[in-house]
Each structure stands twice: as structure tokens, then as C-alpha cells.
All heavy atoms as atom14 arrays in JSON, in Angstrom:
{
  "sequence": "KFIIKPAGEQHHAYADTITAEMELSAQARGTGIAKRSPEYIK",
  "atom14_mask": [
    [1, 1, 1, 1, 1, 1, 1, 1, 1, 0, 0, 0, 0, 0],
    [1, 1, 1, 1, 1, 1, 1, 1, 1, 1, 1, 0, 0, 0],
    [1, 1, 1, 1, 1, 1, 1, 1, 0, 0, 0, 0, 0, 0],
    [1, 1, 1, 1, 1, 1, 1, 1, 0, 0, 0, 0, 0, 0],
    [1, 1, 1, 1, 1, 1, 1, 1, 1, 0, 0, 0, 0, 0],
    [1, 1, 1, 1, 1, 1, 1, 0, 0, 0, 0, 0, 0, 0],
    [1, 1, 1, 1, 1, 0, 0, 0, 0, 0, 0, 0, 0, 0],
    [1, 1, 1, 1, 0, 0, 0, 0, 0, 0, 0, 0, 0, 0],
    [1, 1, 1, 1, 1, 1, 1, 1, 1, 0, 0, 0, 0, 0],
    [1, 1, 1, 1, 1, 1, 1, 1, 1, 0, 0, 0, 0, 0],
    [1, 1, 1, 1, 1, 1, 1, 1, 1, 1, 0, 0, 0, 0],
    [1, 1, 1, 1, 1, 1, 1, 1, 1, 1, 0, 0, 0, 0],
    [1, 1, 1, 1, 1, 0, 0, 0, 0, 0, 0, 0, 0, 0],
    [1, 1, 1, 1, 1, 1, 1, 1, 1, 1, 1, 1, 0, 0],
    [1, 1, 1, 1, 1, 0, 0, 0, 0, 0, 0, 0, 0, 0],
    [1, 1, 1, 1, 1, 1, 1, 1, 0, 0, 0, 0, 0, 0],
    [1, 1, 1, 1, 1, 1, 1, 0, 0, 0, 0, 0, 0, 0],
    [1, 1, 1, 1, 1, 1, 1, 1, 0, 0, 0, 0, 0, 0],
    [1, 1, 1, 1, 1, 1, 1, 0, 0, 0, 0, 0, 0, 0],
    [1, 1, 1, 1, 1, 0, 0, 0, 0, 0, 0, 0, 0, 0],
    [1, 1, 1, 1, 1, 1, 1, 1, 1, 0, 0, 0, 0, 0],
    [1, 1, 1, 1, 1, 1, 1, 1, 0, 0, 0, 0, 0, 0],
    [1, 1, 1, 1, 1, 1, 1, 1, 1, 0, 0, 0, 0, 0],
    [1, 1, 1, 1, 1, 1, 1, 1, 0, 0, 0, 0, 0, 0],
    [1, 1, 1, 1, 1, 1, 0, 0, 0, 0, 0, 0, 0, 0],
    [1, 1, 1, 1, 1, 0, 0, 0, 0, 0, 0, 0, 0, 0],
    [1, 1, 1, 1, 1, 1, 1, 1, 1, 0, 0, 0, 0, 0],
    [1, 1, 1, 1, 1, 0, 0, 0, 0, 0, 0, 0, 0, 0],
    [1, 1, 1, 1, 1, 1, 1, 1, 1, 1, 1, 0, 0, 0],
    [1, 1, 1, 1, 0, 0, 0, 0, 0, 0, 0, 0, 0, 0],
    [1, 1, 1, 1, 1, 1, 1, 0, 0, 0, 0, 0, 0, 0],
    [1, 1, 1, 1, 0, 0, 0, 0, 0, 0, 0, 0, 0, 0],
    [1, 1, 1, 1, 1, 1, 1, 1, 0, 0, 0, 0, 0, 0],
    [1, 1, 1, 1, 1, 0, 0, 0, 0, 0, 0, 0, 0, 0],
    [1, 1, 1, 1, 1, 1, 1, 1, 1, 0, 0, 0, 0, 0],
    [1, 1, 1, 1, 1, 1, 1, 1, 1, 1, 1, 0, 0, 0],
    [1, 1, 1, 1, 1, 1, 0, 0, 0, 0, 0, 0, 0, 0],
    [1, 1, 1, 1, 1, 1, 1, 0, 0, 0, 0, 0, 0, 0],
    [1, 1, 1, 1, 1, 1, 1, 1, 1, 0, 0, 0, 0, 0],
    [1, 1, 1, 1, 1, 1, 1, 1, 1, 1, 1, 1, 0, 0],
    [1, 1, 1, 1, 1, 1, 1, 1, 0, 0, 0, 0, 0, 0],
    [1, 1, 1, 1, 1, 1, 1, 1, 1, 0, 0, 0, 0, 0]
  ],
  "atom14_positions": [
    [[10.76, -3.45, 5.8], [10.54, -2.02, 5.66], [9.88, -1.74, 4.31], [10.29, -2.27, 3.29], [11.86, -1.26, 5.75], [12.58, -1.44, 7.09], [11.76, -0.87, 8.23], [12.52, -1.0, 9.55], [11.73, -0.46, 10.68], [0.0, 0.0, 0.0], [0.0, 0.0, 0.0], [0.0, 0.0, 0.0], [0.0, 0.0, 0.0], [0.0, 0.0, 0.0]],
    [[8.85, -0.9, 4.33], [8.11, -0.58, 3.12], [8.15, 0.92, 2.83], [8.26, 1.73, 3.74], [6.65, -1.02, 3.25], [6.47, -2.49, 3.5], [6.24, -2.95, 4.79], [6.53, -3.4, 2.46], [6.08, -4.3, 5.04], [6.37, -4.75, 2.69], [6.14, -5.2, 3.98], [0.0, 0.0, 0.0], [0.0, 0.0, 0.0], [0.0, 0.0, 0.0]],
    [[8.02, 1.23, 1.56], [7.84, 2.61, 1.13], [6.38, 2.75, 0.72], [5.93, 2.09, -0.21], [8.75, 2.94, -0.08], [10.22, 2.77, 0.29], [8.48, 4.36, -0.57], [11.16, 2.83, -0.9], [0.0, 0.0, 0.0], [0.0, 0.0, 0.0], [0.0, 0.0, 0.0], [0.0, 0.0, 0.0], [0.0, 0.0, 0.0], [0.0, 0.0, 0.0]],
    [[5.63, 3.56, 1.44], [4.19, 3.74, 1.17], [3.98, 5.19, 0.76], [4.26, 6.11, 1.54], [3.34, 3.4, 2.41], [3.7, 2.01, 2.93], [1.86, 3.48, 2.08], [3.06, 1.67, 4.27], [0.0, 0.0, 0.0], [0.0, 0.0, 0.0], [0.0, 0.0, 0.0], [0.0, 0.0, 0.0], [0.0, 0.0, 0.0], [0.0, 0.0, 0.0]],
    [[3.47, 5.4, -0.45], [3.34, 6.76, -0.96], [2.27, 6.83, -2.05], [1.83, 5.78, -2.56], [4.68, 7.22, -1.54], [5.18, 6.37, -2.69], [6.55, 6.84, -3.16], [7.09, 6.01, -4.32], [8.41, 6.48, -4.77], [0.0, 0.0, 0.0], [0.0, 0.0, 0.0], [0.0, 0.0, 0.0], [0.0, 0.0, 0.0], [0.0, 0.0, 0.0]],
    [[1.85, 8.05, -2.43], [0.89, 8.18, -3.54], [1.48, 7.58, -4.8], [2.66, 7.75, -5.1], [0.71, 9.7, -3.66], [0.99, 10.22, -2.29], [2.1, 9.35, -1.78], [0.0, 0.0, 0.0], [0.0, 0.0, 0.0], [0.0, 0.0, 0.0], [0.0, 0.0, 0.0], [0.0, 0.0, 0.0], [0.0, 0.0, 0.0], [0.0, 0.0, 0.0]],
    [[0.65, 6.83, -5.54], [1.1, 6.2, -6.77], [1.06, 7.2, -7.92], [0.32, 8.18, -7.9], [0.21, 5.0, -7.09], [0.0, 0.0, 0.0], [0.0, 0.0, 0.0], [0.0, 0.0, 0.0], [0.0, 0.0, 0.0], [0.0, 0.0, 0.0], [0.0, 0.0, 0.0], [0.0, 0.0, 0.0], [0.0, 0.0, 0.0], [0.0, 0.0, 0.0]],
    [[1.88, 6.94, -8.94], [1.92, 7.79, -10.12], [2.12, 6.97, -11.38], [2.1, 5.73, -11.33], [0.0, 0.0, 0.0], [0.0, 0.0, 0.0], [0.0, 0.0, 0.0], [0.0, 0.0, 0.0], [0.0, 0.0, 0.0], [0.0, 0.0, 0.0], [0.0, 0.0, 0.0], [0.0, 0.0, 0.0], [0.0, 0.0, 0.0], [0.0, 0.0, 0.0]],
    [[2.32, 7.64, -12.48], [2.48, 6.94, -13.76], [3.68, 5.99, -13.75], [3.69, 4.99, -14.47], [2.64, 7.97, -14.89], [1.36, 8.76, -15.15], [1.5, 9.71, -16.33], [2.59, 9.74, -16.95], [0.52, 10.42, -16.63], [0.0, 0.0, 0.0], [0.0, 0.0, 0.0], [0.0, 0.0, 0.0], [0.0, 0.0, 0.0], [0.0, 0.0, 0.0]],
    [[4.67, 6.28, -12.93], [5.85, 5.43, -12.85], [5.54, 4.05, -12.26], [6.37, 3.13, -12.32], [6.95, 6.11, -12.03], [6.66, 6.25, -10.54], [5.9, 7.53, -10.19], [5.16, 8.04, -11.0], [6.13, 8.01, -8.99], [0.0, 0.0, 0.0], [0.0, 0.0, 0.0], [0.0, 0.0, 0.0], [0.0, 0.0, 0.0], [0.0, 0.0, 0.0]],
    [[4.32, 3.91, -11.71], [3.93, 2.63, -11.1], [2.97, 1.82, -11.97], [2.44, 0.8, -11.53], [3.29, 2.89, -9.73], [4.2, 3.59, -8.77], [3.93, 4.86, -8.27], [5.39, 3.22, -8.24], [4.91, 5.22, -7.46], [5.8, 4.25, -7.42], [0.0, 0.0, 0.0], [0.0, 0.0, 0.0], [0.0, 0.0, 0.0], [0.0, 0.0, 0.0]],
    [[2.73, 2.26, -13.21], [1.81, 1.56, -14.11], [2.19, 0.09, -14.3], [1.32, -0.76, -14.52], [1.76, 2.25, -15.47], [0.92, 3.48, -15.48], [0.58, 4.15, -16.64], [0.32, 4.16, -14.47], [-0.18, 5.19, -16.34], [-0.34, 5.23, -15.04], [0.0, 0.0, 0.0], [0.0, 0.0, 0.0], [0.0, 0.0, 0.0], [0.0, 0.0, 0.0]],
    [[3.46, -0.23, -14.22], [3.92, -1.59, -14.46], [3.36, -2.59, -13.44], [3.34, -3.8, -13.69], [5.45, -1.64, -14.43], [0.0, 0.0, 0.0], [0.0, 0.0, 0.0], [0.0, 0.0, 0.0], [0.0, 0.0, 0.0], [0.0, 0.0, 0.0], [0.0, 0.0, 0.0], [0.0, 0.0, 0.0], [0.0, 0.0, 0.0], [0.0, 0.0, 0.0]],
    [[2.88, -2.09, -12.31], [2.35, -2.97, -11.27], [0.86, -3.25, -11.43], [0.29, -4.06, -10.7], [2.57, -2.35, -9.88], [4.01, -2.11, -9.52], [4.58, -0.84, -9.6], [4.83, -3.16, -9.07], [5.91, -0.61, -9.25], [6.16, -2.94, -8.72], [6.69, -1.67, -8.82], [8.0, -1.45, -8.48], [0.0, 0.0, 0.0], [0.0, 0.0, 0.0]],
    [[0.2, -2.58, -12.37], [-1.27, -2.65, -12.49], [-1.78, -4.07, -12.72], [-2.78, -4.48, -12.12], [-1.75, -1.72, -13.6], [0.0, 0.0, 0.0], [0.0, 0.0, 0.0], [0.0, 0.0, 0.0], [0.0, 0.0, 0.0], [0.0, 0.0, 0.0], [0.0, 0.0, 0.0], [0.0, 0.0, 0.0], [0.0, 0.0, 0.0], [0.0, 0.0, 0.0]],
    [[-1.15, -4.82, -13.61], [-1.6, -6.19, -13.88], [-1.5, -7.07, -12.63], [-2.41, -7.85, -12.34], [-0.76, -6.81, -15.01], [-1.1, -6.22, -16.37], [-2.29, -5.97, -16.64], [-0.18, -6.0, -17.16], [0.0, 0.0, 0.0], [0.0, 0.0, 0.0], [0.0, 0.0, 0.0], [0.0, 0.0, 0.0], [0.0, 0.0, 0.0], [0.0, 0.0, 0.0]],
    [[-0.42, -6.95, -11.91], [-0.22, -7.73, -10.68], [-1.27, -7.38, -9.64], [-1.83, -8.26, -8.98], [1.18, -7.47, -10.1], [2.17, -7.84, -11.06], [1.4, -8.27, -8.83], [0.0, 0.0, 0.0], [0.0, 0.0, 0.0], [0.0, 0.0, 0.0], [0.0, 0.0, 0.0], [0.0, 0.0, 0.0], [0.0, 0.0, 0.0], [0.0, 0.0, 0.0]],
    [[-1.56, -6.09, -9.51], [-2.54, -5.62, -8.52], [-3.93, -6.15, -8.82], [-4.61, -6.69, -7.93], [-2.55, -4.08, -8.48], [-1.24, -3.56, -7.88], [-3.75, -3.56, -7.67], [-1.03, -2.06, -8.03], [0.0, 0.0, 0.0], [0.0, 0.0, 0.0], [0.0, 0.0, 0.0], [0.0, 0.0, 0.0], [0.0, 0.0, 0.0], [0.0, 0.0, 0.0]],
    [[-4.39, -6.02, -10.06], [-5.75, -6.48, -10.4], [-5.88, -7.99, -10.3], [-6.92, -8.5, -9.88], [-6.15, -6.02, -11.82], [-5.13, -6.4, -12.75], [-6.33, -4.52, -11.88], [0.0, 0.0, 0.0], [0.0, 0.0, 0.0], [0.0, 0.0, 0.0], [0.0, 0.0, 0.0], [0.0, 0.0, 0.0], [0.0, 0.0, 0.0], [0.0, 0.0, 0.0]],
    [[-4.82, -8.72, -10.65], [-4.85, -10.18, -10.54], [-4.98, -10.6, -9.09], [-5.76, -11.51, -8.75], [-3.59, -10.78, -11.16], [0.0, 0.0, 0.0], [0.0, 0.0, 0.0], [0.0, 0.0, 0.0], [0.0, 0.0, 0.0], [0.0, 0.0, 0.0], [0.0, 0.0, 0.0], [0.0, 0.0, 0.0], [0.0, 0.0, 0.0], [0.0, 0.0, 0.0]],
    [[-4.25, -9.93, -8.2], [-4.3, -10.27, -6.78], [-5.64, -9.88, -6.17], [-6.17, -10.57, -5.29], [-3.16, -9.6, -6.03], [-2.97, -10.1, -4.61], [-2.82, -11.61, -4.53], [-1.97, -12.16, -5.26], [-3.56, -12.24, -3.76], [0.0, 0.0, 0.0], [0.0, 0.0, 0.0], [0.0, 0.0, 0.0], [0.0, 0.0, 0.0], [0.0, 0.0, 0.0]],
    [[-6.22, -8.77, -6.65], [-7.56, -8.37, -6.17], [-8.58, -9.46, -6.47], [-9.41, -9.81, -5.62], [-7.99, -7.07, -6.87], [-7.37, -5.81, -6.34], [-7.96, -4.37, -7.29], [-7.21, -3.04, -6.36], [0.0, 0.0, 0.0], [0.0, 0.0, 0.0], [0.0, 0.0, 0.0], [0.0, 0.0, 0.0], [0.0, 0.0, 0.0], [0.0, 0.0, 0.0]],
    [[-8.53, -10.0, -7.69], [-9.48, -11.02, -8.09], [-9.29, -12.31, -7.3], [-10.26, -12.92, -6.84], [-9.35, -11.31, -9.59], [-10.41, -12.26, -10.11], [-10.43, -12.36, -11.62], [-9.6, -11.7, -12.28], [-11.29, -13.07, -12.16], [0.0, 0.0, 0.0], [0.0, 0.0, 0.0], [0.0, 0.0, 0.0], [0.0, 0.0, 0.0], [0.0, 0.0, 0.0]],
    [[-8.05, -12.72, -7.1], [-7.77, -13.94, -6.33], [-8.23, -13.79, -4.88], [-8.8, -14.72, -4.31], [-6.27, -14.24, -6.36], [-5.7, -14.76, -7.68], [-4.19, -14.84, -7.61], [-6.3, -16.12, -8.01], [0.0, 0.0, 0.0], [0.0, 0.0, 0.0], [0.0, 0.0, 0.0], [0.0, 0.0, 0.0], [0.0, 0.0, 0.0], [0.0, 0.0, 0.0]],
    [[-8.0, -12.61, -4.32], [-8.4, -12.36, -2.94], [-9.91, -12.38, -2.78], [-10.44, -12.92, -1.81], [-7.84, -11.01, -2.48], [-8.2, -10.74, -1.14], [0.0, 0.0, 0.0], [0.0, 0.0, 0.0], [0.0, 0.0, 0.0], [0.0, 0.0, 0.0], [0.0, 0.0, 0.0], [0.0, 0.0, 0.0], [0.0, 0.0, 0.0], [0.0, 0.0, 0.0]],
    [[-10.63, -11.78, -3.74], [-12.09, -11.75, -3.71], [-12.66, -13.17, -3.8], [-13.62, -13.52, -3.11], [-12.63, -10.9, -4.84], [0.0, 0.0, 0.0], [0.0, 0.0, 0.0], [0.0, 0.0, 0.0], [0.0, 0.0, 0.0], [0.0, 0.0, 0.0], [0.0, 0.0, 0.0], [0.0, 0.0, 0.0], [0.0, 0.0, 0.0], [0.0, 0.0, 0.0]],
    [[-12.06, -14.0, -4.65], [-12.51, -15.39, -4.8], [-12.3, -16.16, -3.51], [-13.15, -16.96, -3.1], [-11.75, -16.06, -5.95], [-12.13, -15.54, -7.33], [-11.25, -16.1, -8.42], [-10.28, -16.82, -8.16], [-11.56, -15.78, -9.67], [0.0, 0.0, 0.0], [0.0, 0.0, 0.0], [0.0, 0.0, 0.0], [0.0, 0.0, 0.0], [0.0, 0.0, 0.0]],
    [[-11.18, -15.92, -2.85], [-10.87, -16.61, -1.6], [-11.84, -16.23, -0.48], [-12.24, -17.07, 0.33], [-9.44, -16.3, -1.18], [0.0, 0.0, 0.0], [0.0, 0.0, 0.0], [0.0, 0.0, 0.0], [0.0, 0.0, 0.0], [0.0, 0.0, 0.0], [0.0, 0.0, 0.0], [0.0, 0.0, 0.0], [0.0, 0.0, 0.0], [0.0, 0.0, 0.0]],
    [[-12.25, -14.94, -0.45], [-13.18, -14.46, 0.58], [-14.62, -14.82, 0.27], [-15.47, -14.84, 1.16], [-13.08, -12.93, 0.72], [-11.77, -12.41, 1.23], [-11.9, -10.95, 1.66], [-12.57, -10.16, 0.64], [-11.97, -9.49, -0.32], [-10.66, -9.56, -0.43], [-12.65, -8.78, -1.2], [0.0, 0.0, 0.0], [0.0, 0.0, 0.0], [0.0, 0.0, 0.0]],
    [[-14.92, -15.04, -1.0], [-16.31, -15.29, -1.39], [-17.08, -14.0, -1.57], [-18.3, -13.99, -1.7], [0.0, 0.0, 0.0], [0.0, 0.0, 0.0], [0.0, 0.0, 0.0], [0.0, 0.0, 0.0], [0.0, 0.0, 0.0], [0.0, 0.0, 0.0], [0.0, 0.0, 0.0], [0.0, 0.0, 0.0], [0.0, 0.0, 0.0], [0.0, 0.0, 0.0]],
    [[-16.37, -12.87, -1.56], [-17.0, -11.56, -1.81], [-16.08, -10.77, -2.71], [-14.92, -11.1, -2.89], [-17.22, -10.76, -0.5], [-15.94, -10.54, 0.11], [-18.12, -11.49, 0.45], [0.0, 0.0, 0.0], [0.0, 0.0, 0.0], [0.0, 0.0, 0.0], [0.0, 0.0, 0.0], [0.0, 0.0, 0.0], [0.0, 0.0, 0.0], [0.0, 0.0, 0.0]],
    [[-16.58, -9.7, -3.26], [-15.74, -8.87, -4.1], [-16.51, -7.7, -4.66], [-17.56, -7.89, -5.26], [0.0, 0.0, 0.0], [0.0, 0.0, 0.0], [0.0, 0.0, 0.0], [0.0, 0.0, 0.0], [0.0, 0.0, 0.0], [0.0, 0.0, 0.0], [0.0, 0.0, 0.0], [0.0, 0.0, 0.0], [0.0, 0.0, 0.0], [0.0, 0.0, 0.0]],
    [[-16.03, -6.5, -4.45], [-16.72, -5.31, -4.92], [-15.94, -4.71, -6.09], [-14.73, -4.56, -6.04], [-16.83, -4.27, -3.79], [-17.63, -4.84, -2.62], [-17.48, -2.99, -4.29], [-19.06, -5.18, -2.91], [0.0, 0.0, 0.0], [0.0, 0.0, 0.0], [0.0, 0.0, 0.0], [0.0, 0.0, 0.0], [0.0, 0.0, 0.0], [0.0, 0.0, 0.0]],
    [[-16.67, -4.33, -7.12], [-16.12, -3.55, -8.22], [-14.83, -4.13, -8.81], [-13.74, -3.63, -8.56], [-15.89, -2.11, -7.78], [0.0, 0.0, 0.0], [0.0, 0.0, 0.0], [0.0, 0.0, 0.0], [0.0, 0.0, 0.0], [0.0, 0.0, 0.0], [0.0, 0.0, 0.0], [0.0, 0.0, 0.0], [0.0, 0.0, 0.0], [0.0, 0.0, 0.0]],
    [[-14.97, -5.18, -9.57], [-13.82, -5.76, -10.27], [-13.26, -4.71, -11.23], [-13.98, -4.13, -12.02], [-14.26, -7.0, -11.04], [-13.13, -7.73, -11.73], [-13.65, -8.99, -12.39], [-12.53, -9.73, -13.11], [-13.04, -10.97, -13.76], [0.0, 0.0, 0.0], [0.0, 0.0, 0.0], [0.0, 0.0, 0.0], [0.0, 0.0, 0.0], [0.0, 0.0, 0.0]],
    [[-11.96, -4.47, -11.14], [-11.34, -3.41, -11.92], [-10.32, -3.95, -12.92], [-9.7, -4.99, -12.7], [-10.64, -2.41, -11.0], [-11.58, -1.67, -10.04], [-12.7, -0.98, -10.78], [-13.49, -0.11, -9.89], [-14.61, 0.47, -10.25], [-15.11, 0.27, -11.45], [-15.26, 1.23, -9.41], [0.0, 0.0, 0.0], [0.0, 0.0, 0.0], [0.0, 0.0, 0.0]],
    [[-10.13, -3.21, -14.0], [-9.17, -3.59, -15.03], [-7.83, -2.91, -14.75], [-7.77, -1.9, -14.03], [-9.67, -3.14, -16.4], [-9.69, -1.72, -16.47], [0.0, 0.0, 0.0], [0.0, 0.0, 0.0], [0.0, 0.0, 0.0], [0.0, 0.0, 0.0], [0.0, 0.0, 0.0], [0.0, 0.0, 0.0], [0.0, 0.0, 0.0], [0.0, 0.0, 0.0]],
    [[-6.74, -3.41, -15.34], [-5.44, -2.75, -15.18], [-5.48, -1.3, -15.66], [-4.84, -0.42, -15.08], [-4.51, -3.6, -16.04], [-5.13, -4.97, -16.0], [-6.61, -4.7, -16.04], [0.0, 0.0, 0.0], [0.0, 0.0, 0.0], [0.0, 0.0, 0.0], [0.0, 0.0, 0.0], [0.0, 0.0, 0.0], [0.0, 0.0, 0.0], [0.0, 0.0, 0.0]],
    [[-6.27, -1.04, -16.72], [-6.38, 0.32, -17.25], [-7.0, 1.26, -16.23], [-6.6, 2.43, -16.11], [-7.22, 0.32, -18.54], [-6.56, -0.33, -19.74], [-6.41, -1.85, -19.59], [-7.25, -2.47, -18.91], [-5.44, -2.4, -20.14], [0.0, 0.0, 0.0], [0.0, 0.0, 0.0], [0.0, 0.0, 0.0], [0.0, 0.0, 0.0], [0.0, 0.0, 0.0]],
    [[-8.01, 0.77, -15.51], [-8.66, 1.59, -14.48], [-7.67, 1.92, -13.37], [-7.6, 3.07, -12.89], [-9.86, 0.84, -13.9], [-10.67, 1.66, -12.92], [-11.67, 2.52, -13.34], [-10.41, 1.56, -11.54], [-12.39, 3.27, -12.43], [-11.12, 2.31, -10.63], [-12.12, 3.16, -11.07], [-12.82, 3.91, -10.17], [0.0, 0.0, 0.0], [0.0, 0.0, 0.0]],
    [[-6.91, 0.93, -12.95], [-5.91, 1.14, -11.89], [-4.85, 2.14, -12.34], [-4.42, 3.01, -11.59], [-5.26, -0.2, -11.5], [-6.29, -1.15, -10.89], [-4.1, 0.03, -10.54], [-7.02, -0.62, -9.68], [0.0, 0.0, 0.0], [0.0, 0.0, 0.0], [0.0, 0.0, 0.0], [0.0, 0.0, 0.0], [0.0, 0.0, 0.0], [0.0, 0.0, 0.0]],
    [[-4.44, 2.05, -13.6], [-3.45, 2.99, -14.14], [-4.01, 4.42, -14.13], [-3.27, 5.37, -13.85], [-3.07, 2.59, -15.57], [-2.22, 1.33, -15.66], [-1.95, 0.96, -17.11], [-1.17, -0.34, -17.22], [-0.94, -0.74, -18.64], [0.0, 0.0, 0.0], [0.0, 0.0, 0.0], [0.0, 0.0, 0.0], [0.0, 0.0, 0.0], [0.0, 0.0, 0.0]]
  ]
}
């Protein structure tokens, strides 16, 4: 079961994990659009 909702400042702690997984996923696919920083995600 998941909780899916609009993100807010209380979720900033997840930004590093999210951007790292985005990069790994793009490398695995061989494609990737708009590499983002944790600051951008925050």
C-alpha cells in the first residue's frame, strides 16, 4: 500500500535519493532527459 500525494517541503530529505535513482535509471535505459539536481527537485 502506498501513499501518493503532492510533495512539499517536508519531503526535501528524499531529493538526493530521487535524483540518484533518476540517473541510474537513465543509464540503464540508454536515454535520459533533463538531468536534475537535488536542489531543483526540492
